[in-house]
PDB file of N, CA and C in Angstrom:
ATOM      1  N   MET A   1      77.812 118.944  87.746  1.00  0.00           N
ATOM      2  CA  MET A   1      78.184 119.755  88.937  1.00  0.00           C
ATOM      3  C   MET A   1      77.513 119.807  90.391  1.00  0.00           C
ATOM      4  N   LYS A   2      76.442 119.668  90.465  1.00  0.00           N
ATOM      5  CA  LYS A   2      75.735 118.603  91.811  1.00  0.00           C
ATOM      6  C   LYS A   2      75.427 118.118  91.786  1.00  0.00           C
ATOM      7  N   ALA A   3      75.518 117.336  90.806  1.00  0.00           N
ATOM      8  CA  ALA A   3      75.103 115.526  90.460  1.00  0.00           C
ATOM      9  C   ALA A   3      76.240 115.259  91.554  1.00  0.00           C
ATOM     10  N   ILE A   4      77.465 115.610  91.299  1.00  0.00           N
ATOM     11  CA  ILE A   4      79.027 114.664  92.291  1.00  0.00           C
ATOM     12  C   ILE A   4      79.157 115.822  94.110  1.00  0.00           C
ATOM     13  N   LYS A   5      78.928 117.083  94.330  1.00  0.00           N
ATOM     14  CA  LYS A   5      78.602 117.823  95.522  1.00  0.00           C
ATOM     15  C   LYS A   5      76.727 116.951  96.023  1.00  0.00           C
ATOM     16  N   THR A   6      76.167 116.008  95.268  1.00  0.00           N
ATOM     17  CA  THR A   6      75.409 115.168  96.442  1.00  0.00           C
ATOM     18  C   THR A   6      75.975 114.084  96.667  1.00  0.00           C
ATOM     19  N   TRP A   7      76.722 113.135  95.629  1.00  0.00           N
ATOM     20  CA  TRP A   7      77.407 112.019  95.426  1.00  0.00           C
ATOM     21  C   TRP A   7      78.332 112.395  96.659  1.00  0.00           C
ATOM     22  N   ILE A   8      79.248 113.056  96.761  1.00  0.00           N
ATOM     23  CA  ILE A   8      80.862 113.363  97.422  1.00  0.00           C
ATOM     24  C   ILE A   8      80.097 114.133  99.286  1.00  0.00           C
ATOM     25  N   GLY A   9      78.979 114.842  98.963  1.00  0.00           N
ATOM     26  CA  GLY A   9      78.112 114.521 100.469  1.00  0.00           C
ATOM     27  C   GLY A   9      77.407 113.581 101.069  1.00  0.00           C
ATOM     28  N   LYS A  10      76.770 112.414  99.911  1.00  0.00           N
ATOM     29  CA  LYS A  10      76.830 111.236 101.182  1.00  0.00           C
ATOM     30  C   LYS A  10      77.613 110.118 101.126  1.00  0.00           C
ATOM     31  N   LEU A  11      78.881 110.687 101.025  1.00  0.00           N
ATOM     32  CA  LEU A  11      80.250 109.624 101.850  1.00  0.00           C
ATOM     33  C   LEU A  11      79.850 110.418 103.225  1.00  0.00           C
ATOM     34  N   PRO A  12      80.010 109.192 103.519  1.00  0.00           N
ATOM     35  CA  PRO A  12      81.104 109.074 105.128  1.00  0.00           C
ATOM     36  C   PRO A  12      82.176 110.359 105.294  1.00  0.00           C
ATOM     37  N   LEU A  13      82.332 111.072 106.767  1.00  0.00           N
ATOM     38  CA  LEU A  13      83.512 112.038 107.377  1.00  0.00           C
ATOM     39  C   LEU A  13      84.699 110.978 107.013  1.00  0.00           C
ATOM     40  N   GLU A  14      83.805 110.531 108.117  1.00  0.00           N
ATOM     41  CA  GLU A  14      85.443 109.577 108.025  1.00  0.00           C
ATOM     42  C   GLU A  14      86.822 108.974 106.562  1.00  0.00           C
ATOM     43  N   LEU A  15      85.323 108.935 105.713  1.00  0.00           N
ATOM     44  CA  LEU A  15      86.634 107.805 104.860  1.00  0.00           C
ATOM     45  C   LEU A  15      86.970 108.991 103.426  1.00  0.00           C
ATOM     46  N   LEU A  16      86.460 110.568 103.352  1.00  0.00           N
ATOM     47  CA  LEU A  16      86.870 111.363 103.012  1.00  0.00           C
ATOM     48  C   LEU A  16      88.499 111.715 104.041  1.00  0.00           C
ATOM     49  N   PHE A  17      88.102 111.581 105.346  1.00  0.00           N
ATOM     50  CA  PHE A  17      89.327 112.494 105.573  1.00  0.00           C
ATOM     51  C   PHE A  17      90.622 111.410 104.969  1.00  0.00           C
ATOM     52  N   TRP A  18      90.932 109.467 105.614  1.00  0.00           N
ATOM     53  CA  TRP A  18      91.083 108.928 105.338  1.00  0.00           C
ATOM     54  C   TRP A  18      91.678 108.773 103.619  1.00  0.00           C
ATOM     55  N   ILE A  19      91.189 109.033 102.738  1.00  0.00           N
ATOM     56  CA  ILE A  19      91.004 109.066 102.058  1.00  0.00           C
ATOM     57  C   ILE A  19      92.371 110.355 101.281  1.00  0.00           C
ATOM     58  N   GLY A  20      91.850 111.601 102.320  1.00  0.00           N
ATOM     59  CA  GLY A  20      92.327 112.754 102.754  1.00  0.00           C
ATOM     60  C   GLY A  20      94.107 112.328 103.241  1.00  0.00           C
ATOM     61  N   SER A  21      94.016 112.074 104.207  1.00  0.00           N
ATOM     62  CA  SER A  21      95.225 111.842 104.706  1.00  0.00           C
ATOM     63  C   SER A  21      96.304 110.789 103.128  1.00  0.00           C
ATOM     64  N   LEU A  22      96.021 109.981 102.614  1.00  0.00           N
ATOM     65  CA  LEU A  22      96.302 109.026 101.344  1.00  0.00           C
ATOM     66  C   LEU A  22      96.999 110.669 100.988  1.00  0.00           C
ATOM     67  N   ILE A  23      95.988 111.363 100.360  1.00  0.00           N
ATOM     68  CA  ILE A  23      96.960 112.098  98.850  1.00  0.00           C
ATOM     69  C   ILE A  23      98.139 112.890  99.844  1.00  0.00           C
ATOM     70  N   GLY A  24      97.554 113.805 101.323  1.00  0.00           N
ATOM     71  CA  GLY A  24      98.341 114.346 101.618  1.00  0.00           C
ATOM     72  C   GLY A  24     100.244 113.013 101.530  1.00  0.00           C
ATOM     73  N   VAL A  25      99.144 112.157 102.392  1.00  0.00           N
ATOM     74  CA  VAL A  25     100.993 111.487 102.315  1.00  0.00           C
ATOM     75  C   VAL A  25     101.880 111.014 100.942  1.00  0.00           C
ATOM     76  N   LEU A  26     101.021 111.757 100.002  1.00  0.00           N
ATOM     77  CA  LEU A  26     101.770 111.430  98.652  1.00  0.00           C
ATOM     78  C   LEU A  26     102.030 112.302  98.732  1.00  0.00           C
ATOM     79  N   LEU A  27     101.360 113.793  98.754  1.00  0.00           N
ATOM     80  CA  LEU A  27     102.422 114.760  98.699  1.00  0.00           C
ATOM     81  C   LEU A  27     103.723 114.896  98.987  1.00  0.00           C
ATOM     82  N   ILE A  28     103.740 114.154  99.773  1.00  0.00           N
ATOM     83  CA  ILE A  28     104.449 114.718 101.484  1.00  0.00           C
ATOM     84  C   ILE A  28     105.870 114.722 100.467  1.00  0.00           C
ATOM     85  N   ASP A  29     107.199 115.722 100.394  1.00  0.00           N
ATOM     86  CA  ASP A  29     108.245 115.310 100.067  1.00  0.00           C
ATOM     87  C   ASP A  29     109.157 114.668 100.876  1.00  0.00           C
ATOM     88  N   PRO A  30     109.209 113.236 101.342  1.00  0.00           N
ATOM     89  CA  PRO A  30     110.191 113.504 102.057  1.00  0.00           C
ATOM     90  C   PRO A  30     111.889 113.228 102.348  1.00  0.00           C
ATOM     91  N   GLU A  31     112.244 113.479 101.331  1.00  0.00           N
ATOM     92  CA  GLU A  31     113.670 114.366 100.922  1.00  0.00           C
ATOM     93  C   GLU A  31     113.994 115.290 101.464  1.00  0.00           C
ATOM     94  N   SER A  32     112.991 115.420 101.414  1.00  0.00           N
ATOM     95  CA  SER A  32     113.079 118.154 102.302  1.00  0.00           C
ATOM     96  C   SER A  32     113.455 117.762 103.826  1.00  0.00           C
ATOM     97  N   GLU A  33     114.154 118.408 104.059  1.00  0.00           N
ATOM     98  CA  GLU A  33     114.682 118.986 105.132  1.00  0.00           C
ATOM     99  C   GLU A  33     113.682 119.787 105.970  1.00  0.00           C
ATOM    100  N   SER A  34     113.482 120.526 105.928  1.00  0.00           N
ATOM    101  CA  SER A  34     112.046 121.768 106.444  1.00  0.00           C
ATOM    102  C   SER A  34     110.570 121.263 106.338  1.00  0.00           C
ATOM    103  N   HIS A  35     110.138 120.995 107.167  1.00  0.00           N
ATOM    104  CA  HIS A  35     109.365 120.046 106.855  1.00  0.00           C
ATOM    105  C   HIS A  35     108.122 120.339 108.270  1.00  0.00           C
ATOM    106  N   LEU A  36     106.446 120.823 107.487  1.00  0.00           N
ATOM    107  CA  LEU A  36     105.623 121.033 109.046  1.00  0.00           C
ATOM    108  C   LEU A  36     105.357 120.086 110.049  1.00  0.00           C
ATOM    109  N   SER A  37     105.784 120.960 110.902  1.00  0.00           N
ATOM    110  CA  SER A  37     105.151 120.065 111.724  1.00  0.00           C
ATOM    111  C   SER A  37     104.416 119.385 112.921  1.00  0.00           C
ATOM    112  N   LEU A  38     102.892 118.944 113.055  1.00  0.00           N
ATOM    113  CA  LEU A  38     101.975 119.366 114.078  1.00  0.00           C
ATOM    114  C   LEU A  38     102.360 119.050 114.897  1.00  0.00           C
ATOM    115  N   CYS A  39     103.464 118.016 115.482  1.00  0.00           N
ATOM    116  CA  CYS A  39     103.934 117.338 116.670  1.00  0.00           C
ATOM    117  C   CYS A  39     104.329 117.583 117.514  1.00  0.00           C
ATOM    118  N   PRO A  40     103.129 118.061 119.338  1.00  0.00           N
ATOM    119  CA  PRO A  40     103.207 118.954 120.566  1.00  0.00           C
ATOM    120  C   PRO A  40     104.495 118.824 121.210  1.00  0.00           C
ATOM    121  N   LEU A  41     104.875 117.604 120.897  1.00  0.00           N
ATOM    122  CA  LEU A  41     106.373 117.143 121.718  1.00  0.00           C
ATOM    123  C   LEU A  41     107.761 117.876 120.799  1.00  0.00           C
ATOM    124  N   ASN A  42     106.854 118.191 119.564  1.00  0.00           N
ATOM    125  CA  ASN A  42     108.260 118.871 118.749  1.00  0.00           C
ATOM    126  C   ASN A  42     107.855 120.095 119.103  1.00  0.00           C
ATOM    127  N   GLN A  43     107.059 120.843 119.545  1.00  0.00           N
ATOM    128  CA  GLN A  43     106.941 122.236 119.278  1.00  0.00           C
ATOM    129  C   GLN A  43     107.035 122.477 120.867  1.00  0.00           C
ATOM    130  N   LEU A  44     107.571 121.677 121.575  1.00  0.00           N
ATOM    131  CA  LEU A  44     107.816 122.143 123.507  1.00  0.00           C
ATOM    132  C   LEU A  44     110.387 121.307 123.063  1.00  0.00           C
ATOM    133  N   GLY A  45     109.776 121.071 121.674  1.00  0.00           N
ATOM    134  CA  GLY A  45     111.821 120.715 122.089  1.00  0.00           C
ATOM    135  C   GLY A  45     111.995 119.923 121.938  1.00  0.00           C
ATOM    136  N   VAL A  46     111.309 118.324 122.593  1.00  0.00           N
ATOM    137  CA  VAL A  46     111.909 117.700 122.455  1.00  0.00           C
ATOM    138  C   VAL A  46     111.950 117.048 121.523  1.00  0.00           C
ATOM    139  N   ASP A  47     112.919 115.920 121.709  1.00  0.00           N
ATOM    140  CA  ASP A  47     114.003 115.634 120.206  1.00  0.00           C
ATOM    141  C   ASP A  47     113.593 114.478 120.021  1.00  0.00           C
ATOM    142  N   TRP A  48     112.732 113.278 120.684  1.00  0.00           N
ATOM    143  CA  TRP A  48     112.659 112.296 120.070  1.00  0.00           C
ATOM    144  C   TRP A  48     110.933 111.518 120.291  1.00  0.00           C
ATOM    145  N   CYS A  49     110.090 111.941 119.505  1.00  0.00           N
ATOM    146  CA  CYS A  49     108.838 110.627 119.678  1.00  0.00           C
ATOM    147  C   CYS A  49     108.056 110.018 118.971  1.00  0.00           C
ATOM    148  N   PRO A  50     107.450 109.022 119.365  1.00  0.00           N
ATOM    149  CA  PRO A  50     107.966 107.598 118.756  1.00  0.00           C
ATOM    150  C   PRO A  50     106.895 108.004 116.958  1.00  0.00           C
ATOM    151  N   GLY A  51     106.307 109.489 117.230  1.00  0.00           N
ATOM    152  CA  GLY A  51     105.124 109.289 116.043  1.00  0.00           C
ATOM    153  C   GLY A  51     105.722 109.503 114.030  1.00  0.00           C
ATOM    154  N   CYS A  52     106.631 110.804 115.246  1.00  0.00           N
ATOM    155  CA  CYS A  52     107.852 111.972 114.738  1.00  0.00           C
ATOM    156  C   CYS A  52     108.587 110.589 112.527  1.00  0.00           C
ATOM    157  N   GLY A  53     108.291 111.639 111.363  1.00  0.00           N
ATOM    158  CA  GLY A  53     108.774 110.412 110.483  1.00  0.00           C
ATOM    159  C   GLY A  53     108.054 109.528 110.151  1.00  0.00           C
ATOM    160  N   LEU A  54     107.020 109.005 110.310  1.00  0.00           N
ATOM    161  CA  LEU A  54     105.933 107.664 110.428  1.00  0.00           C
ATOM    162  C   LEU A  54     105.803 108.646 108.568  1.00  0.00           C
ATOM    163  N   GLY A  55     104.374 110.073 108.941  1.00  0.00           N
ATOM    164  CA  GLY A  55     104.665 110.728 107.542  1.00  0.00           C
ATOM    165  C   GLY A  55     105.208 110.370 106.527  1.00  0.00           C
ATOM    166  N   ARG A  56     106.574 110.922 106.677  1.00  0.00           N
ATOM    167  CA  ARG A  56     107.082 111.563 105.392  1.00  0.00           C
ATOM    168  C   ARG A  56     107.763 109.454 105.232  1.00  0.00           C
ATOM    169  N   ALA A  57     108.111 108.550 106.177  1.00  0.00           N
ATOM    170  CA  ALA A  57     107.865 107.170 105.625  1.00  0.00           C
ATOM    171  C   ALA A  57     107.123 105.830 105.289  1.00  0.00           C
ATOM    172  N   MET A  58     105.493 107.007 105.407  1.00  0.00           N
ATOM    173  CA  MET A  58     104.540 105.815 104.467  1.00  0.00           C
ATOM    174  C   MET A  58     104.955 106.970 103.049  1.00  0.00           C
ATOM    175  N   SER A  59     105.405 107.942 103.242  1.00  0.00           N
ATOM    176  CA  SER A  59     105.754 108.834 101.662  1.00  0.00           C
ATOM    177  C   SER A  59     107.047 108.296 100.867  1.00  0.00           C
ATOM    178  N   LEU A  60     107.751 107.616 101.702  1.00  0.00           N
ATOM    179  CA  LEU A  60     109.148 106.839 101.159  1.00  0.00           C
ATOM    180  C   LEU A  60     108.288 104.968 100.893  1.00  0.00           C
ATOM    181  N   LEU A  61     107.310 104.804 101.244  1.00  0.00           N
ATOM    182  CA  LEU A  61     106.951 103.510 100.735  1.00  0.00           C
ATOM    183  C   LEU A  61     106.096 103.502  99.332  1.00  0.00           C
ATOM    184  N   ALA A  62     105.716 104.527  99.278  1.00  0.00           N
ATOM    185  CA  ALA A  62     104.673 104.682  98.341  1.00  0.00           C
ATOM    186  C   ALA A  62     105.505 104.582  97.426  1.00  0.00           C
ATOM    187  N   ARG A  63     105.953 105.257  97.665  1.00  0.00           N
ATOM    188  CA  ARG A  63     107.595 105.936  96.414  1.00  0.00           C
ATOM    189  C   ARG A  63     108.713 104.466  95.829  1.00  0.00           C
ATOM    190  N   GLY A  64     107.808 103.393  96.603  1.00  0.00           N
ATOM    191  CA  GLY A  64     109.014 102.290  96.680  1.00  0.00           C
ATOM    192  C   GLY A  64     110.382 102.280  97.369  1.00  0.00           C
ATOM    193  N   ALA A  65     110.192 103.221  98.503  1.00  0.00           N
ATOM    194  CA  ALA A  65     111.648 103.242  98.448  1.00  0.00           C
ATOM    195  C   ALA A  65     111.889 101.791 100.214  1.00  0.00           C
ATOM    196  N   PHE A  66     111.495 100.739 100.665  1.00  0.00           N
ATOM    197  CA  PHE A  66     111.016 100.535 100.740  1.00  0.00           C
ATOM    198  C   PHE A  66     112.450  99.915 102.275  1.00  0.00           C
ATOM    199  N   GLN A  67     113.710 100.014 102.232  1.00  0.00           N
ATOM    200  CA  GLN A  67     114.973 100.251 103.381  1.00  0.00           C
ATOM    201  C   GLN A  67     114.580 101.699 103.424  1.00  0.00           C
ATOM    202  N   ALA A  68     114.929 102.974 103.038  1.00  0.00           N
ATOM    203  CA  ALA A  68     114.937 104.128 103.466  1.00  0.00           C
ATOM    204  C   ALA A  68     112.976 104.026 104.288  1.00  0.00           C
ATOM    205  N   SER A  69     112.438 103.873 104.215  1.00  0.00           N
ATOM    206  CA  SER A  69     111.495 103.718 105.061  1.00  0.00           C
ATOM    207  C   SER A  69     110.671 102.773 106.415  1.00  0.00           C
ATOM    208  N   TRP A  70     111.629 102.054 106.073  1.00  0.00           N
ATOM    209  CA  TRP A  70     111.786 101.179 107.384  1.00  0.00           C
ATOM    210  C   TRP A  70     113.518 101.881 107.913  1.00  0.00           C
ATOM    211  N   GLU A  71     113.720 102.583 108.161  1.00  0.00           N
ATOM    212  CA  GLU A  71     115.567 103.482 109.180  1.00  0.00           C
ATOM    213  C   GLU A  71     114.716 104.314 110.134  1.00  0.00           C
ATOM    214  N   MET A  72     113.637 105.163 108.184  1.00  0.00           N
ATOM    215  CA  MET A  72     112.986 105.957 108.773  1.00  0.00           C
ATOM    216  C   MET A  72     111.409 105.778 110.276  1.00  0.00           C
ATOM    217  N   HIS A  73     110.965 104.939 110.521  1.00  0.00           N
ATOM    218  CA  HIS A  73     110.022 105.236 110.090  1.00  0.00           C
ATOM    219  C   HIS A  73     109.906 102.748 110.803  1.00  0.00           C
ATOM    220  N   PRO A  74     109.814 102.317 111.224  1.00  0.00           N
ATOM    221  CA  PRO A  74     109.386 100.774 110.646  1.00  0.00           C
ATOM    222  C   PRO A  74     109.103 100.374 111.500  1.00  0.00           C
ATOM    223  N   LEU A  75     107.785 101.483 111.436  1.00  0.00           N
ATOM    224  CA  LEU A  75     106.033 101.230 111.664  1.00  0.00           C
ATOM    225  C   LEU A  75     105.774 101.918 110.630  1.00  0.00           C
ATOM    226  N   ALA A  76     105.723 102.290 109.932  1.00  0.00           N
ATOM    227  CA  ALA A  76     105.064 102.792 108.225  1.00  0.00           C
ATOM    228  C   ALA A  76     104.686 101.796 107.322  1.00  0.00           C
ATOM    229  N   PHE A  77     104.529 100.333 107.604  1.00  0.00           N
ATOM    230  CA  PHE A  77     104.219  99.699 106.652  1.00  0.00           C
ATOM    231  C   PHE A  77     102.541  99.825 107.747  1.00  0.00           C
ATOM    232  N   LEU A  78     102.668  99.212 108.811  1.00  0.00           N
ATOM    233  CA  LEU A  78     101.195  98.317 109.166  1.00  0.00           C
ATOM    234  C   LEU A  78     100.636 100.504 109.562  1.00  0.00           C
ATOM    235  N   ALA A  79     100.858 101.553 109.207  1.00  0.00           N
ATOM    236  CA  ALA A  79     100.233 102.655 109.598  1.00  0.00           C
ATOM    237  C   ALA A  79      99.254 102.365 108.342  1.00  0.00           C
ATOM    238  N   PHE A  80      99.988 101.951 106.983  1.00  0.00           N
ATOM    239  CA  PHE A  80      99.759 101.895 105.637  1.00  0.00           C
ATOM    240  C   PHE A  80      98.911 100.655 105.621  1.00  0.00           C
ATOM    241  N   LEU A  81      98.704  99.774 106.223  1.00  0.00           N
ATOM    242  CA  LEU A  81      98.005  98.866 106.103  1.00  0.00           C
ATOM    243  C   LEU A  81      96.776  98.969 107.149  1.00  0.00           C
ATOM    244  N   VAL A  82      97.023  99.264 107.740  1.00  0.00           N
ATOM    245  CA  VAL A  82      95.827  99.839 108.768  1.00  0.00           C
ATOM    246  C   VAL A  82      94.736 100.824 107.900  1.00  0.00           C
ATOM    247  N   ILE A  83      95.687 102.328 107.753  1.00  0.00           N
ATOM    248  CA  ILE A  83      94.533 102.488 106.697  1.00  0.00           C
ATOM    249  C   ILE A  83      93.999 101.846 105.580  1.00  0.00           C
ATOM    250  N   LEU A  84      94.855 101.812 104.566  1.00  0.00           N
ATOM    251  CA  LEU A  84      94.020 100.637 103.389  1.00  0.00           C
ATOM    252  C   LEU A  84      92.701 100.729 103.782  1.00  0.00           C
ATOM    253  N   SER A  85      93.060  99.253 104.997  1.00  0.00           N
ATOM    254  CA  SER A  85      91.982  99.011 106.143  1.00  0.00           C
ATOM    255  C   SER A  85      90.597  98.966 105.893  1.00  0.00           C
ATOM    256  N   ARG A  86      91.102 100.069 106.676  1.00  0.00           N
ATOM    257  CA  ARG A  86      89.827 101.225 107.300  1.00  0.00           C
ATOM    258  C   ARG A  86      89.276 101.812 106.207  1.00  0.00           C
ATOM    259  N   ILE A  87      89.773 102.443 105.304  1.00  0.00           N
ATOM    260  CA  ILE A  87      89.308 102.490 104.003  1.00  0.00           C
ATOM    261  C   ILE A  87      88.387 101.392 102.882  1.00  0.00           C
ATOM    262  N   TRP A  88      88.886  99.857 103.155  1.00  0.00           N
ATOM    263  CA  TRP A  88      89.040  99.323 102.437  1.00  0.00           C
ATOM    264  C   TRP A  88      87.127  98.706 103.279  1.00  0.00           C
ATOM    265  N   ASN A  89      87.336  99.248 104.886  1.00  0.00           N
ATOM    266  CA  ASN A  89      86.243  98.758 104.837  1.00  0.00           C
ATOM    267  C   ASN A  89      84.794  99.973 104.977  1.00  0.00           C
ATOM    268  N   LEU A  90      84.868 100.823 105.156  1.00  0.00           N
ATOM    269  CA  LEU A  90      84.275 102.071 105.466  1.00  0.00           C
ATOM    270  C   LEU A  90      83.725 102.072 103.462  1.00  0.00           C
ATOM    271  N   ILE A  91      84.900 102.163 103.379  1.00  0.00           N
ATOM    272  CA  ILE A  91      83.091 101.278 101.351  1.00  0.00           C
ATOM    273  C   ILE A  91      83.226 100.183 101.193  1.00  0.00           C
ATOM    274  N   SER A  92      83.276  99.223 101.722  1.00  0.00           N
ATOM    275  CA  SER A  92      82.753  98.383 101.744  1.00  0.00           C
ATOM    276  C   SER A  92      80.974  98.233 102.491  1.00  0.00           C
ATOM    277  N   ASN A  93      81.387  99.026 103.816  1.00  0.00           N
ATOM    278  CA  ASN A  93      80.118  98.834 104.653  1.00  0.00           C
ATOM    279  C   ASN A  93      79.040 100.123 104.147  1.00  0.00           C
ATOM    280  N   LEU A  94      79.840 101.105 103.088  1.00  0.00           N
ATOM    281  CA  LEU A  94      78.820 102.165 102.424  1.00  0.00           C
ATOM    282  C   LEU A  94      78.483 101.211 101.131  1.00  0.00           C
ATOM    283  N   LYS A  95      78.590  99.813  99.697  1.00  0.00           N
ATOM    284  CA  LYS A  95      78.010  99.688  99.190  1.00  0.00           C
ATOM    285  C   LYS A  95      76.667  98.556 100.124  1.00  0.00           C
ATOM    286  N   THR A  96      76.814  98.265 101.242  1.00  0.00           N
ATOM    287  CA  THR A  96      76.076  97.079 101.433  1.00  0.00           C
ATOM    288  C   THR A  96      74.345  97.542 102.352  1.00  0.00           C
ATOM    289  N   THR A  97      75.282  98.854 103.037  1.00  0.00           N
ATOM    290  CA  THR A  97      74.347  99.481 103.410  1.00  0.00           C
ATOM    291  C   THR A  97      73.795 100.930 103.908  1.00  0.00           C
ATOM    292  N   HIS A  98      73.665 101.634 104.193  1.00  0.00           N
ATOM    293  CA  HIS A  98      73.435 103.526 104.021  1.00  0.00           C
ATOM    294  C   HIS A  98      73.000 103.992 105.312  1.00  0.00           C
ATOM    295  N   ASN A  99      73.763 103.017 106.915  1.00  0.00           N
ATOM    296  CA  ASN A  99      73.987 103.295 107.853  1.00  0.00           C
ATOM    297  C   ASN A  99      75.750 103.287 107.785  1.00  0.00           C
ATOM    298  N   TYR A 100      76.345 105.130 108.005  1.00  0.00           N
ATOM    299  CA  TYR A 100      77.758 104.916 107.975  1.00  0.00           C
ATOM    300  C   TYR A 100      78.292 104.323 109.632  1.00  0.00           C
ATOM    301  N   GLY A 101      77.289 104.718 110.917  1.00  0.00           N
ATOM    302  CA  GLY A 101      77.676 105.005 111.277  1.00  0.00           C
ATOM    303  C   GLY A 101      77.418 103.906 112.713  1.00  0.00           C
TER     304      GLY A 101
END
């Protein structure tokens, strides 16, 4: 157990954040009407926000519902690719160097 904690402690915080965000996206129920919103515009009562629905659209995309994902937010595919690309870059950097910055 101590070896696992030591190994995880050596990983860059950004890598853990992006992996955690993908796990969070996979755990979202996109069909749920009520959901936690961290959007400041939504909290202020503004109906339109360019980012709202992105997490649920990414969850639909991960489940294979491509059309529903596109209808909810057209940038979900791009966001998914950017996150996966960043994770790939961090892991490849981890393998080649010990400089995480």
